């Protein structure tokens, strides 16, 4: 029986679920970021500037005074570079990120219509915009068909989606195997997302693969072990095992510790809307 791209996407994301018995054995959630690391990520993005392929594509699609919709906006990293000249609507379900978006908008002096809630549940109260942007959200969406359908339905000129080549936790696969004997899925990937767009929207999107230097850094081994211990659902009494496992992948520069490659590969998937 043929598996549709939307079904494959959902199945693979479901396979990423962490077994309940592992979650019950630790006090902390493996998801989310500490406030310090999240702010560091935001700062790194600001330092890298706005001349990314994603922002250039958004700019090429936006007409003069054109409107922009940012779905899963976070604190506005992807859309704020365009908000001075283009009316912006942001959809964000996380209350803390929504508060951060308000604060950042106030700092920059830009007007944003903020809608707090999940997509596509909030789609009914959102108007059609010239361009729709969605950055680093889709791997959190199992029901990808309705999500993408509403992205298409709310764009007048085009949709731009930024994501990593594969699941954001793919780099943790060797550690899960070593610490828990737990295999993780090999997908979904950006190719799977392209197939979803072709199925749902009936169009073949443009794809640009690019990279940028820099990634989140850590102040100490203690911070590394806290972050990765939570990500890997590891009881605190096994942190020494984790330190030994991570040690070959750690580099240090000017008092900053990095785990893995300093280069991060990004994919921008975009497609025009014919109306």
C-alpha atoms as a PDB file:
ATOM      1  CA  UNK A   1       0.000   0.000   0.000  1.00  0.00           C
ATOM      2  CA  UNK A   2       1.349   3.402  -1.022  1.00  0.00           C
ATOM      3  CA  UNK A   3       2.173   5.762   1.850  1.00  0.00           C
ATOM      4  CA  UNK A   4       1.297   9.383   1.178  1.00  0.00           C
ATOM      5  CA  UNK A   5       3.927  11.991   2.123  1.00  0.00           C
ATOM      6  CA  UNK A   6       1.700  13.424   4.873  1.00  0.00           C
ATOM      7  CA  UNK A   7       1.259   9.957   6.357  1.00  0.00           C
ATOM      8  CA  UNK A   8       4.985   9.236   6.226  1.00  0.00           C
ATOM      9  CA  UNK A   9       5.718  12.562   7.921  1.00  0.00           C
ATOM     10  CA  UNK A  10       3.304  11.833  10.761  1.00  0.00           C
ATOM     11  CA  UNK A  11       4.522   8.259  11.213  1.00  0.00           C
ATOM     12  CA  UNK A  12       8.170   9.266  11.457  1.00  0.00           C
ATOM     13  CA  UNK A  13       7.459  12.035  13.965  1.00  0.00           C
ATOM     14  CA  UNK A  14       5.418   9.626  16.071  1.00  0.00           C
ATOM     15  CA  UNK A  15       8.419   7.283  16.099  1.00  0.00           C
ATOM     16  CA  UNK A  16      10.461  10.067  17.724  1.00  0.00           C
ATOM     17  CA  UNK A  17       8.320   9.798  20.855  1.00  0.00           C
ATOM     18  CA  UNK A  18      10.371   8.943  23.938  1.00  0.00           C
ATOM     19  CA  UNK A  19       9.204   5.797  25.762  1.00  0.00           C
ATOM     20  CA  UNK A  20       7.077   6.706  28.818  1.00  0.00           C
ATOM     21  CA  UNK A  21       9.197   4.611  31.180  1.00  0.00           C
ATOM     22  CA  UNK A  22      12.241   6.716  30.292  1.00  0.00           C
ATOM     23  CA  UNK A  23      10.358   9.953  30.905  1.00  0.00           C
ATOM     24  CA  UNK A  24       9.054   8.656  34.247  1.00  0.00           C
ATOM     25  CA  UNK A  25      12.610   7.951  35.413  1.00  0.00           C
ATOM     26  CA  UNK A  26      13.782  11.595  35.270  1.00  0.00           C
ATOM     27  CA  UNK A  27      12.523  14.787  36.954  1.00  0.00           C
ATOM     28  CA  UNK A  28      13.001  17.144  33.993  1.00  0.00           C
ATOM     29  CA  UNK A  29      11.356  17.459  30.610  1.00  0.00           C
ATOM     30  CA  UNK A  30      13.710  16.823  27.676  1.00  0.00           C
ATOM     31  CA  UNK A  31      12.034  19.545  25.640  1.00  0.00           C
ATOM     32  CA  UNK A  32      12.534  23.282  25.673  1.00  0.00           C
ATOM     33  CA  UNK A  33      15.533  25.473  26.422  1.00  0.00           C
ATOM     34  CA  UNK A  34      16.826  27.132  29.538  1.00  0.00           C
ATOM     35  CA  UNK A  35      16.236  30.905  29.495  1.00  0.00           C
ATOM     36  CA  UNK A  36      19.997  31.504  29.302  1.00  0.00           C
ATOM     37  CA  UNK A  37      20.530  29.268  26.278  1.00  0.00           C
ATOM     38  CA  UNK A  38      17.448  30.597  24.507  1.00  0.00           C
ATOM     39  CA  UNK A  39      18.608  34.187  24.905  1.00  0.00           C
ATOM     40  CA  UNK A  40      22.036  33.137  23.659  1.00  0.00           C
ATOM     41  CA  UNK A  41      20.444  31.641  20.534  1.00  0.00           C
ATOM     42  CA  UNK A  42      18.505  34.833  19.903  1.00  0.00           C
ATOM     43  CA  UNK A  43      21.643  36.930  20.335  1.00  0.00           C
ATOM     44  CA  UNK A  44      23.623  34.735  17.940  1.00  0.00           C
ATOM     45  CA  UNK A  45      20.879  35.127  15.315  1.00  0.00           C
ATOM     46  CA  UNK A  46      20.997  38.912  15.711  1.00  0.00           C
ATOM     47  CA  UNK A  47      24.778  38.968  15.346  1.00  0.00           C
ATOM     48  CA  UNK A  48      24.592  36.943  12.145  1.00  0.00           C
ATOM     49  CA  UNK A  49      22.571  39.683  10.448  1.00  0.00           C
ATOM     50  CA  UNK A  50      19.649  39.496   8.068  1.00  0.00           C
ATOM     51  CA  UNK A  51      21.296  38.718   4.733  1.00  0.00           C
ATOM     52  CA  UNK A  52      20.266  35.072   4.763  1.00  0.00           C
ATOM     53  CA  UNK A  53      18.756  33.264   1.763  1.00  0.00           C
ATOM     54  CA  UNK A  54      15.480  33.032   3.660  1.00  0.00           C
ATOM     55  CA  UNK A  55      15.245  36.780   4.226  1.00  0.00           C
ATOM     56  CA  UNK A  56      16.303  37.543   0.666  1.00  0.00           C
ATOM     57  CA  UNK A  57      13.555  35.291  -0.687  1.00  0.00           C
ATOM     58  CA  UNK A  58      10.982  36.897   1.622  1.00  0.00           C
ATOM     59  CA  UNK A  59      12.083  40.316   0.410  1.00  0.00           C
ATOM     60  CA  UNK A  60      11.838  39.277  -3.228  1.00  0.00           C
ATOM     61  CA  UNK A  61       8.249  38.098  -2.765  1.00  0.00           C
ATOM     62  CA  UNK A  62       6.984  41.060  -0.733  1.00  0.00           C
ATOM     63  CA  UNK A  63       5.513  43.913  -2.797  1.00  0.00           C
ATOM     64  CA  UNK A  64       5.720  47.536  -1.665  1.00  0.00           C
ATOM     65  CA  UNK A  65       3.862  47.746   1.675  1.00  0.00           C
ATOM     66  CA  UNK A  66       3.005  44.063   1.299  1.00  0.00           C
ATOM     67  CA  UNK A  67       1.778  42.170   4.338  1.00  0.00           C
ATOM     68  CA  UNK A  68       3.667  39.390   6.100  1.00  0.00           C
ATOM     69  CA  UNK A  69       2.351  36.520   8.245  1.00  0.00           C
ATOM     70  CA  UNK A  70       4.806  34.691  10.529  1.00  0.00           C
ATOM     71  CA  UNK A  71       3.468  31.313  11.731  1.00  0.00           C
ATOM     72  CA  UNK A  72       5.205  30.019  14.836  1.00  0.00           C
ATOM     73  CA  UNK A  73       6.965  33.350  15.098  1.00  0.00           C
ATOM     74  CA  UNK A  74       8.895  32.745  18.308  1.00  0.00           C
ATOM     75  CA  UNK A  75      10.468  36.078  19.198  1.00  0.00           C
ATOM     76  CA  UNK A  76      10.302  37.337  15.613  1.00  0.00           C
ATOM     77  CA  UNK A  77      13.759  36.426  14.342  1.00  0.00           C
ATOM     78  CA  UNK A  78      12.595  35.532  10.829  1.00  0.00           C
ATOM     79  CA  UNK A  79      10.050  38.299  10.289  1.00  0.00           C
ATOM     80  CA  UNK A  80      11.266  41.372  12.205  1.00  0.00           C
ATOM     81  CA  UNK A  81      13.866  42.278   9.557  1.00  0.00           C
ATOM     82  CA  UNK A  82      10.900  43.104   7.282  1.00  0.00           C
ATOM     83  CA  UNK A  83       8.537  44.576   9.871  1.00  0.00           C
ATOM     84  CA  UNK A  84       9.637  48.199   9.489  1.00  0.00           C
ATOM     85  CA  UNK A  85       8.266  48.356   5.941  1.00  0.00           C
ATOM     86  CA  UNK A  86       5.607  45.649   5.913  1.00  0.00           C
ATOM     87  CA  UNK A  87       2.591  45.122   8.213  1.00  0.00           C
ATOM     88  CA  UNK A  88       3.259  41.995  10.243  1.00  0.00           C
ATOM     89  CA  UNK A  89       0.955  39.452  11.838  1.00  0.00           C
ATOM     90  CA  UNK A  90       2.582  36.877  14.124  1.00  0.00           C
ATOM     91  CA  UNK A  91       1.073  33.624  15.379  1.00  0.00           C
ATOM     92  CA  UNK A  92       2.739  32.082  18.448  1.00  0.00           C
ATOM     93  CA  UNK A  93       1.390  29.475  20.879  1.00  0.00           C
ATOM     94  CA  UNK A  94       4.114  29.625  23.543  1.00  0.00           C
ATOM     95  CA  UNK A  95       3.259  32.348  26.101  1.00  0.00           C
ATOM     96  CA  UNK A  96       6.895  32.992  27.024  1.00  0.00           C
ATOM     97  CA  UNK A  97       7.918  33.394  23.384  1.00  0.00           C
ATOM     98  CA  UNK A  98       4.894  35.615  22.760  1.00  0.00           C
ATOM     99  CA  UNK A  99       6.008  37.857  25.634  1.00  0.00           C
ATOM    100  CA  UNK A 100       9.503  37.930  24.172  1.00  0.00           C
ATOM    101  CA  UNK A 101       8.087  38.918  20.793  1.00  0.00           C
ATOM    102  CA  UNK A 102       6.187  41.830  22.370  1.00  0.00           C
ATOM    103  CA  UNK A 103       9.328  42.997  24.159  1.00  0.00           C
ATOM    104  CA  UNK A 104      11.428  42.762  21.009  1.00  0.00           C
ATOM    105  CA  UNK A 105       8.803  44.636  18.976  1.00  0.00           C
ATOM    106  CA  UNK A 106       8.802  47.415  21.553  1.00  0.00           C
ATOM    107  CA  UNK A 107      12.601  47.613  21.446  1.00  0.00           C
ATOM    108  CA  UNK A 108      12.578  47.914  17.660  1.00  0.00           C
ATOM    109  CA  UNK A 109       9.556  50.199  17.518  1.00  0.00           C
ATOM    110  CA  UNK A 110       7.618  47.991  15.113  1.00  0.00           C
ATOM    111  CA  UNK A 111       3.902  47.276  15.112  1.00  0.00           C
ATOM    112  CA  UNK A 112       2.885  43.629  15.226  1.00  0.00           C
ATOM    113  CA  UNK A 113      -0.537  42.048  15.384  1.00  0.00           C
ATOM    114  CA  UNK A 114       0.076  39.094  17.695  1.00  0.00           C
ATOM    115  CA  UNK A 115      -2.285  36.136  17.743  1.00  0.00           C
ATOM    116  CA  UNK A 116      -1.597  33.697  20.572  1.00  0.00           C
ATOM    117  CA  UNK A 117      -2.526  30.149  19.693  1.00  0.00           C
ATOM    118  CA  UNK A 118      -1.678  27.142  17.554  1.00  0.00           C
ATOM    119  CA  UNK A 119      -1.723  26.870  13.793  1.00  0.00           C
ATOM    120  CA  UNK A 120      -3.930  25.912  11.973  1.00  0.00           C
ATOM    121  CA  UNK A 121      -6.446  26.288  14.822  1.00  0.00           C
ATOM    122  CA  UNK A 122      -6.068  30.085  14.661  1.00  0.00           C
ATOM    123  CA  UNK A 123      -6.219  30.244  10.866  1.00  0.00           C
ATOM    124  CA  UNK A 124      -9.876  31.226  10.884  1.00  0.00           C
ATOM    125  CA  UNK A 125      -9.112  34.597  12.507  1.00  0.00           C
ATOM    126  CA  UNK A 126      -6.151  35.402  10.241  1.00  0.00           C
ATOM    127  CA  UNK A 127      -6.521  37.277   6.975  1.00  0.00           C
ATOM    128  CA  UNK A 128      -4.755  36.398   3.735  1.00  0.00           C
ATOM    129  CA  UNK A 129      -1.302  38.040   3.584  1.00  0.00           C
ATOM    130  CA  UNK A 130       1.048  38.625   0.695  1.00  0.00           C
ATOM    131  CA  UNK A 131       3.750  36.343   2.092  1.00  0.00           C
ATOM    132  CA  UNK A 132       3.661  33.637   4.764  1.00  0.00           C
ATOM    133  CA  UNK A 133       6.850  32.668   6.605  1.00  0.00           C
ATOM    134  CA  UNK A 134       7.306  29.666   8.921  1.00  0.00           C
ATOM    135  CA  UNK A 135      10.769  29.121  10.418  1.00  0.00           C
ATOM    136  CA  UNK A 136      11.893  26.040  12.347  1.00  0.00           C
ATOM    137  CA  UNK A 137       8.413  24.854  13.260  1.00  0.00           C
ATOM    138  CA  UNK A 138       7.381  22.027  10.919  1.00  0.00           C
ATOM    139  CA  UNK A 139       9.291  19.240  12.689  1.00  0.00           C
ATOM    140  CA  UNK A 140       7.014  19.863  15.681  1.00  0.00           C
ATOM    141  CA  UNK A 141       3.869  19.314  13.582  1.00  0.00           C
ATOM    142  CA  UNK A 142       2.582  15.770  13.187  1.00  0.00           C
ATOM    143  CA  UNK A 143      -0.666  16.730  11.417  1.00  0.00           C
ATOM    144  CA  UNK A 144       1.304  18.386   8.650  1.00  0.00           C
ATOM    145  CA  UNK A 145      -1.392  18.297   5.936  1.00  0.00           C
ATOM    146  CA  UNK A 146      -3.815  20.854   7.463  1.00  0.00           C
ATOM    147  CA  UNK A 147      -0.865  22.940   8.670  1.00  0.00           C
ATOM    148  CA  UNK A 148       0.641  23.348   5.198  1.00  0.00           C
ATOM    149  CA  UNK A 149      -2.750  23.690   3.528  1.00  0.00           C
ATOM    150  CA  UNK A 150      -3.510  26.745   5.654  1.00  0.00           C
ATOM    151  CA  UNK A 151      -0.066  28.212   4.967  1.00  0.00           C
ATOM    152  CA  UNK A 152      -0.908  28.049   1.265  1.00  0.00           C
ATOM    153  CA  UNK A 153      -4.436  29.304   1.829  1.00  0.00           C
ATOM    154  CA  UNK A 154      -3.228  32.410   3.660  1.00  0.00           C
ATOM    155  CA  UNK A 155      -0.598  33.496   1.119  1.00  0.00           C
ATOM    156  CA  UNK A 156      -1.343  35.798  -1.792  1.00  0.00           C
ATOM    157  CA  UNK A 157       2.111  35.747  -3.380  1.00  0.00           C
ATOM    158  CA  UNK A 158       4.206  33.044  -1.750  1.00  0.00           C
ATOM    159  CA  UNK A 159       5.180  30.844   1.195  1.00  0.00           C
ATOM    160  CA  UNK A 160       8.672  30.548   2.683  1.00  0.00           C
ATOM    161  CA  UNK A 161       9.582  27.757   5.121  1.00  0.00           C
ATOM    162  CA  UNK A 162      12.954  27.483   6.846  1.00  0.00           C
ATOM    163  CA  UNK A 163      14.006  24.199   8.445  1.00  0.00           C
ATOM    164  CA  UNK A 164      17.019  22.017   9.135  1.00  0.00           C
ATOM    165  CA  UNK A 165      17.889  19.226   6.661  1.00  0.00           C
ATOM    166  CA  UNK A 166      16.643  16.586   9.076  1.00  0.00           C
ATOM    167  CA  UNK A 167      15.004  16.348  12.465  1.00  0.00           C
ATOM    168  CA  UNK A 168      16.627  18.771  14.965  1.00  0.00           C
ATOM    169  CA  UNK A 169      17.413  15.872  17.291  1.00  0.00           C
ATOM    170  CA  UNK A 170      19.125  13.762  14.621  1.00  0.00           C
ATOM    171  CA  UNK A 171      22.500  14.675  16.108  1.00  0.00           C
ATOM    172  CA  UNK A 172      21.463  12.953  19.339  1.00  0.00           C
ATOM    173  CA  UNK A 173      20.949   9.562  17.685  1.00  0.00           C
ATOM    174  CA  UNK A 174      24.406   8.112  18.572  1.00  0.00           C
ATOM    175  CA  UNK A 175      24.024   9.261  22.175  1.00  0.00           C
ATOM    176  CA  UNK A 176      20.584   7.685  22.561  1.00  0.00           C
ATOM    177  CA  UNK A 177      21.973   4.466  21.154  1.00  0.00           C
ATOM    178  CA  UNK A 178      25.004   4.477  23.450  1.00  0.00           C
ATOM    179  CA  UNK A 179      23.175   5.485  26.649  1.00  0.00           C
ATOM    180  CA  UNK A 180      19.846   3.718  26.228  1.00  0.00           C
ATOM    181  CA  UNK A 181      20.247   1.212  23.394  1.00  0.00           C
ATOM    182  CA  UNK A 182      17.428   3.155  21.763  1.00  0.00           C
ATOM    183  CA  UNK A 183      17.268   3.554  18.001  1.00  0.00           C
ATOM    184  CA  UNK A 184      15.787   6.743  16.577  1.00  0.00           C
ATOM    185  CA  UNK A 185      14.078   7.312  13.193  1.00  0.00           C
ATOM    186  CA  UNK A 186      16.077   8.349  10.129  1.00  0.00           C
ATOM    187  CA  UNK A 187      13.482  10.945   9.119  1.00  0.00           C
ATOM    188  CA  UNK A 188      11.610  13.008   8.370  1.00  0.00           C
ATOM    189  CA  UNK A 189      13.901  15.211   6.289  1.00  0.00           C
ATOM    190  CA  UNK A 190      13.482  18.334   4.223  1.00  0.00           C
ATOM    191  CA  UNK A 191      12.932  16.087   1.183  1.00  0.00           C
ATOM    192  CA  UNK A 192       9.933  14.636   3.009  1.00  0.00           C
ATOM    193  CA  UNK A 193       8.646  18.165   3.583  1.00  0.00           C
ATOM    194  CA  UNK A 194       9.042  19.001  -0.109  1.00  0.00           C
ATOM    195  CA  UNK A 195       6.962  15.921  -0.915  1.00  0.00           C
ATOM    196  CA  UNK A 196       4.291  17.120   1.550  1.00  0.00           C
ATOM    197  CA  UNK A 197       4.105  20.507  -0.221  1.00  0.00           C
ATOM    198  CA  UNK A 198       3.771  18.770  -3.576  1.00  0.00           C
ATOM    199  CA  UNK A 199       0.942  16.604  -2.225  1.00  0.00           C
ATOM    200  CA  UNK A 200      -0.956  19.286  -0.311  1.00  0.00           C
ATOM    201  CA  UNK A 201      -0.437  22.390  -2.449  1.00  0.00           C
ATOM    202  CA  UNK A 202       0.016  20.769  -5.841  1.00  0.00           C
ATOM    203  CA  UNK A 203       3.267  22.593  -6.598  1.00  0.00           C
ATOM    204  CA  UNK A 204       6.978  21.808  -6.688  1.00  0.00           C
ATOM    205  CA  UNK A 205       8.759  24.275  -4.388  1.00  0.00           C
ATOM    206  CA  UNK A 206      12.182  25.822  -4.815  1.00  0.00           C
ATOM    207  CA  UNK A 207      14.828  24.502  -2.408  1.00  0.00           C
ATOM    208  CA  UNK A 208      18.001  26.265  -1.282  1.00  0.00           C
ATOM    209  CA  UNK A 209      20.468  24.521   1.021  1.00  0.00           C
ATOM    210  CA  UNK A 210      22.908  26.837   2.784  1.00  0.00           C
ATOM    211  CA  UNK A 211      24.984  27.088   5.923  1.00  0.00           C
ATOM    212  CA  UNK A 212      26.007  29.628   8.495  1.00  0.00           C
ATOM    213  CA  UNK A 213      28.708  29.626  11.110  1.00  0.00           C
ATOM    214  CA  UNK A 214      28.057  29.715  14.793  1.00  0.00           C
ATOM    215  CA  UNK A 215      25.793  27.773  17.074  1.00  0.00           C
ATOM    216  CA  UNK A 216      24.726  27.924  20.675  1.00  0.00           C
ATOM    217  CA  UNK A 217      27.653  27.816  23.074  1.00  0.00           C
ATOM    218  CA  UNK A 218      27.991  26.825  26.714  1.00  0.00           C
ATOM    219  CA  UNK A 219      29.719  28.539  29.607  1.00  0.00           C
ATOM    220  CA  UNK A 220      30.815  25.365  31.382  1.00  0.00           C
ATOM    221  CA  UNK A 221      30.742  21.600  31.421  1.00  0.00           C
ATOM    222  CA  UNK A 222      28.024  21.852  34.067  1.00  0.00           C
ATOM    223  CA  UNK A 223      25.803  23.738  31.616  1.00  0.00           C
ATOM    224  CA  UNK A 224      26.542  21.202  28.861  1.00  0.00           C
ATOM    225  CA  UNK A 225      25.672  18.251  31.084  1.00  0.00           C
ATOM    226  CA  UNK A 226      22.493  19.913  32.300  1.00  0.00           C
ATOM    227  CA  UNK A 227      21.266  20.624  28.764  1.00  0.00           C
ATOM    228  CA  UNK A 228      22.238  17.308  27.188  1.00  0.00           C
ATOM    229  CA  UNK A 229      21.272  15.322  30.256  1.00  0.00           C
ATOM    230  CA  UNK A 230      17.722  16.626  29.877  1.00  0.00           C
ATOM    231  CA  UNK A 231      17.703  16.125  26.093  1.00  0.00           C
ATOM    232  CA  UNK A 232      18.885  12.546  26.497  1.00  0.00           C
ATOM    233  CA  UNK A 233      16.496  11.729  29.360  1.00  0.00           C
ATOM    234  CA  UNK A 234      19.384  10.676  31.549  1.00  0.00           C
ATOM    235  CA  UNK A 235      19.124  10.295  35.345  1.00  0.00           C
ATOM    236  CA  UNK A 236      21.514  12.629  37.159  1.00  0.00           C
ATOM    237  CA  UNK A 237      23.535   9.760  38.605  1.00  0.00           C
ATOM    238  CA  UNK A 238      24.603   8.845  35.044  1.00  0.00           C
ATOM    239  CA  UNK A 239      25.997  12.280  34.106  1.00  0.00           C
ATOM    240  CA  UNK A 240      29.598  10.974  34.300  1.00  0.00           C
ATOM    241  CA  UNK A 241      28.773   8.558  31.474  1.00  0.00           C
ATOM    242  CA  UNK A 242      27.455  11.456  29.449  1.00  0.00           C
ATOM    243  CA  UNK A 243      30.592  13.522  30.035  1.00  0.00           C
ATOM    244  CA  UNK A 244      32.786  10.699  28.743  1.00  0.00           C
ATOM    245  CA  UNK A 245      30.527  10.260  25.716  1.00  0.00           C
ATOM    246  CA  UNK A 246      30.438  13.960  24.798  1.00  0.00           C
ATOM    247  CA  UNK A 247      34.118  14.715  25.449  1.00  0.00           C
ATOM    248  CA  UNK A 248      35.369  13.856  21.908  1.00  0.00           C
ATOM    249  CA  UNK A 249      32.785  16.237  20.400  1.00  0.00           C
ATOM    250  CA  UNK A 250      33.604  19.255  22.584  1.00  0.00           C
ATOM    251  CA  UNK A 251      35.702  22.191  21.420  1.00  0.00           C
ATOM    252  CA  UNK A 252      36.608  25.269  23.465  1.00  0.00           C
ATOM    253  CA  UNK A 253      37.401  28.764  22.291  1.00  0.00           C
ATOM    254  CA  UNK A 254      37.826  31.892  24.413  1.00  0.00           C
ATOM    255  CA  UNK A 255      36.052  30.270  27.346  1.00  0.00           C
ATOM    256  CA  UNK A 256      33.103  29.119  25.243  1.00  0.00           C
ATOM    257  CA  UNK A 257      32.332  25.427  24.816  1.00  0.00           C
ATOM    258  CA  UNK A 258      30.785  24.023  21.639  1.00  0.00           C
ATOM    259  CA  UNK A 259      29.292  20.586  21.025  1.00  0.00           C
ATOM    260  CA  UNK A 260      29.749  19.207  17.522  1.00  0.00           C
ATOM    261  CA  UNK A 261      30.183  21.171  14.321  1.00  0.00           C
ATOM    262  CA  UNK A 262      30.378  24.954  14.384  1.00  0.00           C
ATOM    263  CA  UNK A 263      28.616  25.081  10.997  1.00  0.00           C
ATOM    264  CA  UNK A 264      24.840  24.736  10.821  1.00  0.00           C
ATOM    265  CA  UNK A 265      23.108  23.670   7.605  1.00  0.00           C
ATOM    266  CA  UNK A 266      19.752  25.291   6.844  1.00  0.00           C
ATOM    267  CA  UNK A 267      17.193  24.663   4.111  1.00  0.00           C
ATOM    268  CA  UNK A 268      14.809  27.237   2.681  1.00  0.00           C
ATOM    269  CA  UNK A 269      11.763  25.851   0.885  1.00  0.00           C
ATOM    270  CA  UNK A 270       9.643  28.390  -0.981  1.00  0.00           C
ATOM    271  CA  UNK A 271       6.892  28.443  -3.541  1.00  0.00           C
ATOM    272  CA  UNK A 272       4.808  31.101  -5.272  1.00  0.00           C
ATOM    273  CA  UNK A 273       1.036  31.200  -5.061  1.00  0.00           C
ATOM    274  CA  UNK A 274      -0.979  31.570  -8.244  1.00  0.00           C
ATOM    275  CA  UNK A 275      -4.290  33.333  -7.635  1.00  0.00           C
END
